[in-house]
């Protein structure tokens, strides 16, 4: 089920859709160095197929557990992601991680 969280007129968080794969790969690839400084998984991103596979996994995980993987969308453009890291459902504890394209950092602060 698609979820959308509007954070202003131009900024929203929403669940990933299969059609996001090419754009997700493009944004990660264009920001590989900056994202890779904090997100070690960036080295695994080898092409759009990686994005397709992960979006499908995220959708399945969300359906089974409620754990969310959300696209950060600014002015209609996918510019990052917010996600749960190591959710501990037994103790109701979750760490939240995110990454954001360098080109969107200043714009996101204003939105």
C-alpha atoms as a PDB file:
ATOM      1  CA  UNK A   1       0.000   0.000   0.000  1.00  0.00           C
ATOM      2  CA  UNK A   2       1.376   3.394  -1.023  1.00  0.00           C
ATOM      3  CA  UNK A   3       2.024   5.807   1.828  1.00  0.00           C
ATOM      4  CA  UNK A   4       2.688   9.519   1.355  1.00  0.00           C
ATOM      5  CA  UNK A   5       3.785  11.962   4.046  1.00  0.00           C
ATOM      6  CA  UNK A   6       3.696  15.587   2.867  1.00  0.00           C
ATOM      7  CA  UNK A   7       6.237  17.783   4.624  1.00  0.00           C
ATOM      8  CA  UNK A   8       5.379  20.983   2.800  1.00  0.00           C
ATOM      9  CA  UNK A   9       4.364  22.096  -0.655  1.00  0.00           C
ATOM     10  CA  UNK A  10       7.490  20.715  -2.327  1.00  0.00           C
ATOM     11  CA  UNK A  11       8.814  18.029   0.025  1.00  0.00           C
ATOM     12  CA  UNK A  12       7.380  14.603   0.794  1.00  0.00           C
ATOM     13  CA  UNK A  13       8.288  11.135   1.936  1.00  0.00           C
ATOM     14  CA  UNK A  14       6.601   8.241   0.156  1.00  0.00           C
ATOM     15  CA  UNK A  15       6.978   4.536  -0.255  1.00  0.00           C
ATOM     16  CA  UNK A  16       9.067   3.365  -3.190  1.00  0.00           C
ATOM     17  CA  UNK A  17       7.379   2.114  -6.332  1.00  0.00           C
ATOM     18  CA  UNK A  18       8.833  -0.280  -8.906  1.00  0.00           C
ATOM     19  CA  UNK A  19       8.922   2.590 -11.394  1.00  0.00           C
ATOM     20  CA  UNK A  20      11.455   4.399  -9.141  1.00  0.00           C
ATOM     21  CA  UNK A  21      14.286   1.958  -9.925  1.00  0.00           C
ATOM     22  CA  UNK A  22      16.013   3.880 -12.718  1.00  0.00           C
ATOM     23  CA  UNK A  23      15.770   7.205 -10.902  1.00  0.00           C
ATOM     24  CA  UNK A  24      16.958   5.649  -7.632  1.00  0.00           C
ATOM     25  CA  UNK A  25      20.002   4.194  -9.360  1.00  0.00           C
ATOM     26  CA  UNK A  26      20.721   7.490 -11.157  1.00  0.00           C
ATOM     27  CA  UNK A  27      20.626   9.513  -7.915  1.00  0.00           C
ATOM     28  CA  UNK A  28      22.789   7.020  -6.015  1.00  0.00           C
ATOM     29  CA  UNK A  29      25.307   6.809  -8.854  1.00  0.00           C
ATOM     30  CA  UNK A  30      25.541  10.606  -9.176  1.00  0.00           C
ATOM     31  CA  UNK A  31      26.115  10.942  -5.419  1.00  0.00           C
ATOM     32  CA  UNK A  32      28.169   7.779  -4.896  1.00  0.00           C
ATOM     33  CA  UNK A  33      31.149   9.498  -3.264  1.00  0.00           C
ATOM     34  CA  UNK A  34      29.124  11.608  -0.806  1.00  0.00           C
ATOM     35  CA  UNK A  35      26.713   8.802   0.096  1.00  0.00           C
ATOM     36  CA  UNK A  36      29.508   6.226   0.315  1.00  0.00           C
ATOM     37  CA  UNK A  37      31.211   8.219   3.046  1.00  0.00           C
ATOM     38  CA  UNK A  38      28.423   7.120   5.411  1.00  0.00           C
ATOM     39  CA  UNK A  39      26.605   4.282   3.632  1.00  0.00           C
ATOM     40  CA  UNK A  40      28.935   1.374   2.894  1.00  0.00           C
ATOM     41  CA  UNK A  41      26.339  -0.407   0.762  1.00  0.00           C
ATOM     42  CA  UNK A  42      26.901   2.091  -2.072  1.00  0.00           C
ATOM     43  CA  UNK A  43      29.714  -0.095  -3.434  1.00  0.00           C
ATOM     44  CA  UNK A  44      27.114  -2.832  -4.065  1.00  0.00           C
ATOM     45  CA  UNK A  45      25.039  -0.599  -6.357  1.00  0.00           C
ATOM     46  CA  UNK A  46      26.058  -1.844  -9.795  1.00  0.00           C
ATOM     47  CA  UNK A  47      23.104  -0.759 -11.939  1.00  0.00           C
ATOM     48  CA  UNK A  48      19.348  -0.312 -12.203  1.00  0.00           C
ATOM     49  CA  UNK A  49      18.839  -4.026 -11.527  1.00  0.00           C
ATOM     50  CA  UNK A  50      20.181  -3.465  -8.000  1.00  0.00           C
ATOM     51  CA  UNK A  51      17.536  -0.791  -7.445  1.00  0.00           C
ATOM     52  CA  UNK A  52      14.748  -2.965  -8.862  1.00  0.00           C
ATOM     53  CA  UNK A  53      15.694  -5.891  -6.627  1.00  0.00           C
ATOM     54  CA  UNK A  54      15.946  -3.728  -3.508  1.00  0.00           C
ATOM     55  CA  UNK A  55      12.684  -1.900  -4.111  1.00  0.00           C
ATOM     56  CA  UNK A  56      10.949  -5.291  -4.431  1.00  0.00           C
ATOM     57  CA  UNK A  57      12.596  -6.455  -1.181  1.00  0.00           C
ATOM     58  CA  UNK A  58      11.613  -3.228   0.586  1.00  0.00           C
ATOM     59  CA  UNK A  59       8.001  -3.621  -0.559  1.00  0.00           C
ATOM     60  CA  UNK A  60       7.912  -7.211   0.700  1.00  0.00           C
ATOM     61  CA  UNK A  61       9.492  -6.269   4.046  1.00  0.00           C
ATOM     62  CA  UNK A  62       7.014  -3.431   4.465  1.00  0.00           C
ATOM     63  CA  UNK A  63       4.065  -5.740   3.735  1.00  0.00           C
ATOM     64  CA  UNK A  64       5.322  -8.367   6.196  1.00  0.00           C
ATOM     65  CA  UNK A  65       6.599  -6.187   9.046  1.00  0.00           C
ATOM     66  CA  UNK A  66       5.472  -2.598   8.584  1.00  0.00           C
ATOM     67  CA  UNK A  67       9.114  -1.446   8.428  1.00  0.00           C
ATOM     68  CA  UNK A  68       9.260   1.475   5.999  1.00  0.00           C
ATOM     69  CA  UNK A  69      11.709   2.417   3.273  1.00  0.00           C
ATOM     70  CA  UNK A  70      10.713   5.867   2.060  1.00  0.00           C
ATOM     71  CA  UNK A  71      11.738   7.954  -0.929  1.00  0.00           C
ATOM     72  CA  UNK A  72      12.548  11.593  -0.246  1.00  0.00           C
ATOM     73  CA  UNK A  73      10.899  13.560  -3.050  1.00  0.00           C
ATOM     74  CA  UNK A  74      11.647  17.243  -3.553  1.00  0.00           C
ATOM     75  CA  UNK A  75       9.798  19.194  -6.247  1.00  0.00           C
ATOM     76  CA  UNK A  76       8.699  15.900  -7.808  1.00  0.00           C
ATOM     77  CA  UNK A  77      12.238  14.488  -7.983  1.00  0.00           C
ATOM     78  CA  UNK A  78      13.559  11.558  -5.959  1.00  0.00           C
ATOM     79  CA  UNK A  79      16.538  12.949  -4.019  1.00  0.00           C
ATOM     80  CA  UNK A  80      17.142  10.469  -1.212  1.00  0.00           C
ATOM     81  CA  UNK A  81      15.789   7.846   1.134  1.00  0.00           C
ATOM     82  CA  UNK A  82      14.801   7.360   4.767  1.00  0.00           C
ATOM     83  CA  UNK A  83      14.867   3.826   6.127  1.00  0.00           C
ATOM     84  CA  UNK A  84      14.834   1.683   9.241  1.00  0.00           C
ATOM     85  CA  UNK A  85      18.134   0.123  10.245  1.00  0.00           C
ATOM     86  CA  UNK A  86      18.212  -2.969  12.457  1.00  0.00           C
ATOM     87  CA  UNK A  87      14.600  -2.811  13.649  1.00  0.00           C
ATOM     88  CA  UNK A  88      14.088  -4.643  16.938  1.00  0.00           C
ATOM     89  CA  UNK A  89      10.344  -5.293  16.904  1.00  0.00           C
ATOM     90  CA  UNK A  90      10.506  -7.276  20.137  1.00  0.00           C
ATOM     91  CA  UNK A  91      11.687  -4.206  22.062  1.00  0.00           C
ATOM     92  CA  UNK A  92      10.019  -1.596  19.827  1.00  0.00           C
ATOM     93  CA  UNK A  93      13.370  -0.026  18.960  1.00  0.00           C
ATOM     94  CA  UNK A  94      14.520   1.107  15.546  1.00  0.00           C
ATOM     95  CA  UNK A  95      17.375   3.161  14.204  1.00  0.00           C
ATOM     96  CA  UNK A  96      16.526   5.501  11.336  1.00  0.00           C
ATOM     97  CA  UNK A  97      19.018   6.225   8.580  1.00  0.00           C
ATOM     98  CA  UNK A  98      18.853   8.489   5.569  1.00  0.00           C
ATOM     99  CA  UNK A  99      20.826   9.766   2.646  1.00  0.00           C
ATOM    100  CA  UNK A 100      20.234  12.829   0.520  1.00  0.00           C
ATOM    101  CA  UNK A 101      21.621  13.921  -2.838  1.00  0.00           C
ATOM    102  CA  UNK A 102      24.109  16.747  -2.433  1.00  0.00           C
ATOM    103  CA  UNK A 103      22.186  18.923  -4.885  1.00  0.00           C
ATOM    104  CA  UNK A 104      19.063  18.702  -2.716  1.00  0.00           C
ATOM    105  CA  UNK A 105      20.540  19.411   0.703  1.00  0.00           C
ATOM    106  CA  UNK A 106      20.089  23.197   0.642  1.00  0.00           C
ATOM    107  CA  UNK A 107      16.694  23.002  -1.089  1.00  0.00           C
ATOM    108  CA  UNK A 108      15.371  20.455   1.438  1.00  0.00           C
ATOM    109  CA  UNK A 109      16.222  22.725   4.341  1.00  0.00           C
ATOM    110  CA  UNK A 110      14.135  25.520   2.796  1.00  0.00           C
ATOM    111  CA  UNK A 111      11.083  23.353   1.903  1.00  0.00           C
END
